Protein backbone atom coordinates (compact mmCIF):
# COMPACT_ATOMS: atom_id res chain seq x y z
CA MET A 1 74.99 42.28 114.26
CA LYS A 2 75.40 42.57 118.08
CA THR A 3 77.91 44.86 119.56
CA HIS A 4 79.84 44.38 122.78
CA PRO A 5 79.20 47.14 125.34
CA ASP A 6 82.84 47.92 125.45
CA CYS A 7 83.08 48.23 121.67
CA PRO A 8 81.97 51.50 120.11
CA ALA A 9 79.98 51.34 116.96
CA LYS A 10 81.84 51.76 113.70
CA VAL A 11 82.46 55.43 113.00
CA THR A 12 81.84 56.63 109.47
CA PRO A 13 83.49 59.95 108.53
CA GLN A 14 80.99 62.62 107.57
CA PRO A 15 81.72 65.30 105.01
CA PRO A 16 81.91 68.84 106.37
CA GLU A 17 78.60 70.70 106.52
CA PRO A 18 78.24 73.21 103.68
CA GLY A 19 79.16 76.67 104.86
CA LYS A 20 80.61 75.40 108.14
CA THR A 21 84.21 74.81 107.08
CA THR A 22 86.38 77.83 107.88
CA PRO A 23 90.01 76.68 107.49
CA ARG A 24 92.74 79.12 108.30
CA PRO A 25 94.12 81.12 105.34
CA LEU A 26 97.58 79.88 104.33
CA PRO A 27 100.54 82.22 103.72
CA THR A 28 101.76 82.23 100.16
CA ALA A 29 105.16 83.54 99.02
CA VAL A 30 105.06 86.69 96.94
CA PHE A 31 107.70 86.81 94.27
CA CYS A 32 109.42 90.14 93.67
CA GLY A 33 110.65 91.59 90.43
CA LYS A 34 108.11 89.88 88.21
CA ALA A 35 106.33 91.98 85.54
CA PRO A 36 104.12 89.72 83.35
CA LYS A 37 103.36 92.62 81.01
CA ASN A 38 106.96 93.66 80.54
CA SER A 39 109.07 92.79 77.49
CA ARG A 40 111.56 95.66 77.74
CA ILE A 41 114.87 93.91 77.43
CA VAL A 42 115.92 95.97 74.43
CA GLY A 43 114.88 99.40 73.19
CA GLY A 44 115.35 103.05 73.97
CA SER A 45 113.42 105.95 75.34
CA SER A 46 109.66 105.54 74.97
CA VAL A 47 106.28 105.73 76.65
CA ALA A 48 105.48 102.89 78.98
CA THR A 49 102.41 100.75 78.69
CA ALA A 50 100.01 99.55 81.39
CA GLY A 51 101.62 96.95 83.70
CA GLU A 52 105.11 97.37 82.22
CA TRP A 53 106.53 98.55 85.54
CA PRO A 54 103.95 97.23 88.03
CA TRP A 55 105.82 98.44 91.13
CA MET A 56 105.74 102.11 90.10
CA ALA A 57 104.01 104.33 92.64
CA SER A 58 102.88 107.93 92.31
CA LEU A 59 103.34 109.82 95.57
CA GLN A 60 100.55 112.41 95.79
CA LYS A 61 100.00 115.43 97.88
CA ASN A 62 96.63 117.15 97.71
CA GLY A 63 95.75 115.05 94.70
CA SER A 64 98.86 116.03 92.64
CA HIS A 65 101.91 113.98 91.73
CA VAL A 66 105.07 115.11 93.60
CA CYS A 67 107.49 112.18 93.46
CA GLY A 68 107.88 108.67 92.23
CA GLY A 69 108.28 105.55 94.34
CA THR A 70 108.29 101.72 94.18
CA LEU A 71 106.30 99.05 95.94
CA VAL A 72 108.97 96.95 97.76
CA ALA A 73 106.71 95.01 100.15
CA MET A 74 103.02 94.27 100.60
CA ASP A 75 102.74 97.37 102.83
CA ALA A 76 105.71 99.54 101.98
CA VAL A 77 106.77 101.98 99.23
CA LEU A 78 110.31 103.18 98.76
CA SER A 79 111.15 106.75 97.67
CA ASN A 80 113.61 109.61 98.12
CA ALA A 81 113.83 111.33 101.51
CA ASP A 82 114.14 114.75 99.78
CA CYS A 83 110.49 114.50 98.68
CA PHE A 84 109.39 114.88 102.37
CA THR A 85 111.59 117.80 103.47
CA SER A 86 108.70 120.28 103.57
CA SER A 87 105.94 117.83 104.48
CA PRO A 88 106.99 114.82 106.56
CA SER A 89 103.49 114.11 107.92
CA ALA A 90 102.02 110.81 106.64
CA SER A 91 98.48 112.28 106.60
CA ASP A 92 99.52 114.72 103.87
CA TRP A 93 100.28 111.92 101.42
CA THR A 94 98.58 109.21 99.41
CA VAL A 95 100.14 106.54 97.18
CA VAL A 96 98.65 105.56 93.81
CA LEU A 97 99.58 102.06 92.50
CA GLY A 98 98.82 100.64 89.10
CA ARG A 99 98.79 104.05 87.45
CA LEU A 100 99.95 104.79 83.91
CA LYS A 101 98.65 108.29 83.19
CA GLN A 102 98.63 111.23 85.53
CA ASN A 103 95.91 112.97 83.47
CA GLY A 104 93.89 110.15 82.01
CA SER A 105 91.95 106.96 82.63
CA ASN A 106 93.64 104.31 84.77
CA PRO A 107 91.39 101.26 85.17
CA PHE A 108 93.91 99.27 87.23
CA GLU A 109 94.93 101.87 89.80
CA VAL A 110 94.28 101.93 93.52
CA THR A 111 94.87 104.75 95.99
CA MET A 112 96.40 103.89 99.37
CA ASN A 113 96.65 105.91 102.58
CA VAL A 114 100.02 106.31 104.27
CA SER A 115 100.18 105.39 107.98
CA ASN A 116 103.81 106.34 108.60
CA ILE A 117 106.97 107.63 106.95
CA THR A 118 110.42 106.53 108.02
CA LEU A 119 113.53 108.32 106.77
CA SER A 120 117.05 106.97 106.73
CA LYS A 121 119.55 109.25 108.41
CA MET A 122 122.85 108.68 106.71
CA THR A 123 125.51 111.03 105.43
CA GLY A 124 124.73 112.06 101.83
CA SER A 125 121.52 111.09 100.12
CA ASN A 126 118.72 109.37 102.04
CA VAL A 127 115.70 107.22 101.24
CA ALA A 128 112.20 107.08 102.67
CA VAL A 129 109.88 104.19 103.40
CA LEU A 130 106.20 104.87 103.30
CA HIS A 131 104.16 102.39 105.33
CA LEU A 132 100.73 101.82 103.76
CA GLY A 133 97.55 101.73 105.80
CA THR A 134 96.34 98.60 104.02
CA LYS A 135 97.83 96.01 101.69
CA PRO A 136 96.98 96.23 97.96
CA THR A 137 95.74 93.26 96.03
CA LEU A 138 98.51 92.10 93.71
CA SER A 139 97.81 91.73 89.98
CA ASP A 140 99.60 91.94 86.66
CA TYR A 141 99.55 95.71 87.19
CA ILE A 142 100.61 95.82 90.88
CA GLN A 143 103.69 93.87 91.97
CA PRO A 144 106.73 94.48 94.28
CA ILE A 145 110.22 94.97 92.92
CA CYS A 146 113.32 93.26 94.27
CA MET A 147 115.75 95.49 96.17
CA ASP A 148 119.46 95.56 95.53
CA ASN A 149 121.15 93.75 98.42
CA GLY A 150 124.73 93.88 97.08
CA GLN A 151 124.10 92.60 93.53
CA THR A 152 126.85 93.33 90.99
CA PHE A 153 125.74 95.22 87.92
CA SER A 154 128.68 94.90 85.59
CA VAL A 155 129.74 97.45 82.99
CA GLY A 156 127.48 97.16 79.96
CA THR A 157 124.45 95.98 81.90
CA SER A 158 121.23 97.48 80.56
CA CYS A 159 119.07 99.28 83.12
CA TRP A 160 115.89 101.28 82.87
CA VAL A 161 114.70 104.45 84.54
CA ALA A 162 110.96 105.31 84.77
CA GLY A 163 109.03 108.37 85.97
CA TRP A 164 106.21 110.82 85.39
CA SER A 165 108.17 113.77 84.08
CA SER A 166 106.11 116.88 83.89
CA ALA A 167 108.08 117.92 80.80
CA ARG A 168 107.37 114.66 78.88
CA GLY A 169 104.54 112.29 78.39
CA GLY A 170 102.19 114.59 76.55
CA GLU A 171 98.95 116.04 77.79
CA GLU A 172 98.05 112.88 79.71
CA GLN A 173 101.55 112.82 81.34
CA VAL A 174 102.00 109.12 80.63
CA LEU A 175 104.74 107.18 82.54
CA GLN A 176 108.04 107.52 80.70
CA GLU A 177 110.80 104.94 80.46
CA PHE A 178 114.41 105.30 79.41
CA LYS A 179 117.04 102.70 78.78
CA THR A 180 120.66 103.31 79.85
CA SER A 181 123.68 101.09 80.57
CA VAL A 182 126.17 100.76 83.38
CA GLU A 183 129.49 102.56 82.85
CA ASN A 184 132.80 102.72 84.67
CA CYS A 185 132.78 105.15 87.62
CA VAL A 186 135.56 107.67 88.23
CA ASN A 187 137.17 107.52 91.69
CA ALA A 188 134.07 105.95 93.20
CA SER A 189 133.53 102.87 95.40
CA SER A 190 132.04 100.18 93.26
CA SER A 191 130.17 98.78 96.28
CA ASP A 192 128.34 102.07 97.05
CA SER A 193 128.16 103.68 93.62
CA ILE A 194 126.88 102.89 90.17
CA CYS A 195 127.46 104.96 87.00
CA THR A 196 125.42 105.04 83.78
CA GLY A 197 125.37 106.93 80.55
CA PHE A 198 124.20 110.51 80.86
CA PHE A 199 120.49 111.41 80.94
CA THR A 200 118.47 114.25 82.40
CA LEU A 201 116.00 113.96 85.27
CA ASP A 202 112.95 116.07 86.04
CA PRO A 203 112.20 116.98 89.71
CA THR A 204 109.09 114.82 89.57
CA ASP A 205 111.27 111.80 88.62
CA SER A 206 112.82 111.92 92.07
CA GLY A 207 112.08 108.93 94.21
CA GLY A 208 111.59 106.71 91.22
CA PRO A 209 113.77 103.67 90.35
CA MET A 210 116.69 102.67 88.17
CA MET A 211 115.97 99.02 87.45
CA CYS A 212 118.23 96.23 86.14
CA ASN A 213 117.15 92.68 85.23
CA GLN A 214 119.12 89.76 86.66
CA ASP A 215 118.20 86.15 86.06
CA GLY A 216 114.65 87.08 85.02
CA SER A 217 113.94 89.28 88.06
CA TRP A 218 113.97 93.09 88.15
CA PHE A 219 116.09 94.73 90.86
CA GLN A 220 115.94 98.32 91.94
CA ALA A 221 119.59 99.45 91.89
CA VAL A 222 119.01 103.14 92.65
CA VAL A 223 116.43 105.50 94.21
CA LEU A 224 116.58 108.51 91.87
CA SER A 225 117.50 111.85 93.35
CA VAL A 226 117.82 114.96 91.22
CA GLU A 227 119.84 116.82 93.81
CA SER A 228 122.31 114.08 94.76
CA THR A 229 123.37 112.73 91.42
CA ALA A 230 126.69 113.88 89.95
CA ASN A 231 127.91 114.17 86.37
CA LYS A 232 131.49 113.07 85.60
CA THR A 233 133.66 112.95 82.52
CA GLN A 234 135.05 109.55 81.67
CA SER A 235 137.09 109.14 78.47
CA LYS A 236 135.50 112.32 77.07
CA ALA A 237 132.00 110.94 77.69
CA LEU A 238 129.72 112.26 80.38
CA VAL A 239 128.48 109.64 82.83
CA LYS A 240 126.05 109.86 85.74
CA GLU A 241 126.86 108.64 89.21
CA PHE A 242 124.32 107.36 91.70
CA GLU A 243 124.54 105.89 95.20
CA LYS A 244 123.46 102.19 95.10
CA LEU A 245 120.38 101.07 97.02
CA SER A 246 122.45 98.42 98.77
CA ARG A 247 124.07 101.28 100.73
CA PHE A 248 120.85 101.41 102.75
CA LYS A 249 120.42 97.65 103.28
CA SER A 250 120.70 97.82 107.09
CA PHE A 251 118.09 100.56 107.23
CA LEU A 252 115.78 98.68 104.85
CA ALA A 253 116.24 95.39 106.75
CA SER A 254 115.07 96.98 109.99
CA THR A 255 112.35 99.19 108.47
CA VAL A 256 110.78 97.04 105.74
CA GLY A 257 111.52 93.80 107.54
CA PHE A 258 113.07 91.87 104.65
CA LEU A 259 115.40 92.15 101.71
CA SER A 260 114.29 90.70 98.37
CA SER A 261 116.23 87.70 97.19
CA GLY A 262 115.94 87.87 93.44
CA SER A 263 113.66 84.87 93.05
CA SER A 264 111.30 85.48 95.91
CA SER A 265 110.94 87.77 98.93
CA ASN A 266 109.87 86.61 102.34
CA ILE A 267 106.76 88.72 102.21
CA THR A 268 103.59 86.70 102.87
CA ASN A 269 100.07 87.37 101.65
CA SER A 270 96.91 85.64 102.81
CA THR A 271 94.97 83.86 100.12
CA ALA A 272 91.71 81.98 100.05
CA ALA A 273 91.93 78.59 101.77
CA PRO A 274 92.02 75.60 99.50
CA THR A 275 89.08 73.26 99.00
CA PRO A 276 89.17 70.30 101.42
CA PRO A 277 90.82 67.31 99.65
CA THR A 278 88.63 64.59 98.15
CA ASN A 279 89.21 61.01 97.14
CA SER A 280 88.76 59.62 93.65
CA GLY A 281 85.09 58.88 94.35
CA GLY A 282 84.29 62.55 95.06
CA GLY A 283 83.80 62.05 98.80
CA PRO A 284 85.94 63.43 101.65
CA ALA A 285 89.46 62.06 101.79
CA ILE A 286 90.00 59.62 104.73
CA SER A 287 93.23 59.65 106.61
CA PRO A 288 95.32 56.38 106.99
CA LEU A 289 95.30 57.07 110.73
CA PHE A 290 91.50 56.87 110.72
CA PHE A 291 91.63 53.37 109.05
CA LEU A 292 94.25 52.24 111.57
CA LEU A 293 92.12 53.34 114.50
CA ASN A 294 89.05 51.48 113.20
CA LEU A 295 91.14 48.38 112.57
CA LEU A 296 92.34 48.36 116.17
CA ILE A 297 88.81 48.78 117.50
CA PHE A 298 87.57 45.95 115.27
CA SER A 299 90.36 43.64 116.35
CA THR A 300 89.57 44.33 120.04
CA CYS A 301 85.88 43.54 119.48
CA ILE A 302 86.74 40.20 117.74
CA ARG A 303 88.81 39.12 120.76
CA LEU A 304 86.00 40.01 123.14
CA PHE A 305 83.46 37.92 121.18
CA LEU A 306 85.74 34.92 120.92
């Protein structure tokens, strides 16, 4: 078939050369407060299992556990500011994620360097954000927790505390968990305070979380602090009062860069690019625009020949 000099030859789309396609990685939403290995809705004090609290972080100095913490973003860990009073330098610290035992085998753990530590500077207790040098790879054993951004935890709500108490956990110092419930506070602002049934804390529990489940997502309601908690008597029963994490929401918004929503956080994580789309015949998919362009060219050529 002859072609008119003004008519280009029909263009046939060619599949991409193997190894030559380098599409840009696409951002994927990272959901907070999801613990695939966790079934702790009921129960009492016990030893945790691997992946049960996948946001738990062990803050280490010279290879030893000092305080607890939680992964709250892809590159940030939340803890108690009191942990850094004597050593505020980031180079002194490492963060271990995915750990269950302080003195045993931990096949899912990773150790992260700390690039910077930012402390809140408010009256009363304060929190710290540790910025990680690199982002960990998320798995069933490493996940971020949602942060309280003004959630209401009503009286009777079940919450959990977790930490590596040096006085518990046996020789391997396994992560401990303890169930408590929200109680009425005495002369305290319900927006800034939360009270629970009484329990004792070890100094190495400081910086760890009190966690409550809402609508299938785990929220951190409190950053534990041994020094700043208060014990009060309510109806002849001893209750424990904590400052809610939502008290620090302005600091967290400016430092971490987001606040978790309960269903998803606006953290993004790069993932492998998807395979180029194919048609039902197994070849490369052809865009409708491509067909339209060829149709216009063909129509022009017909007119020139006639």
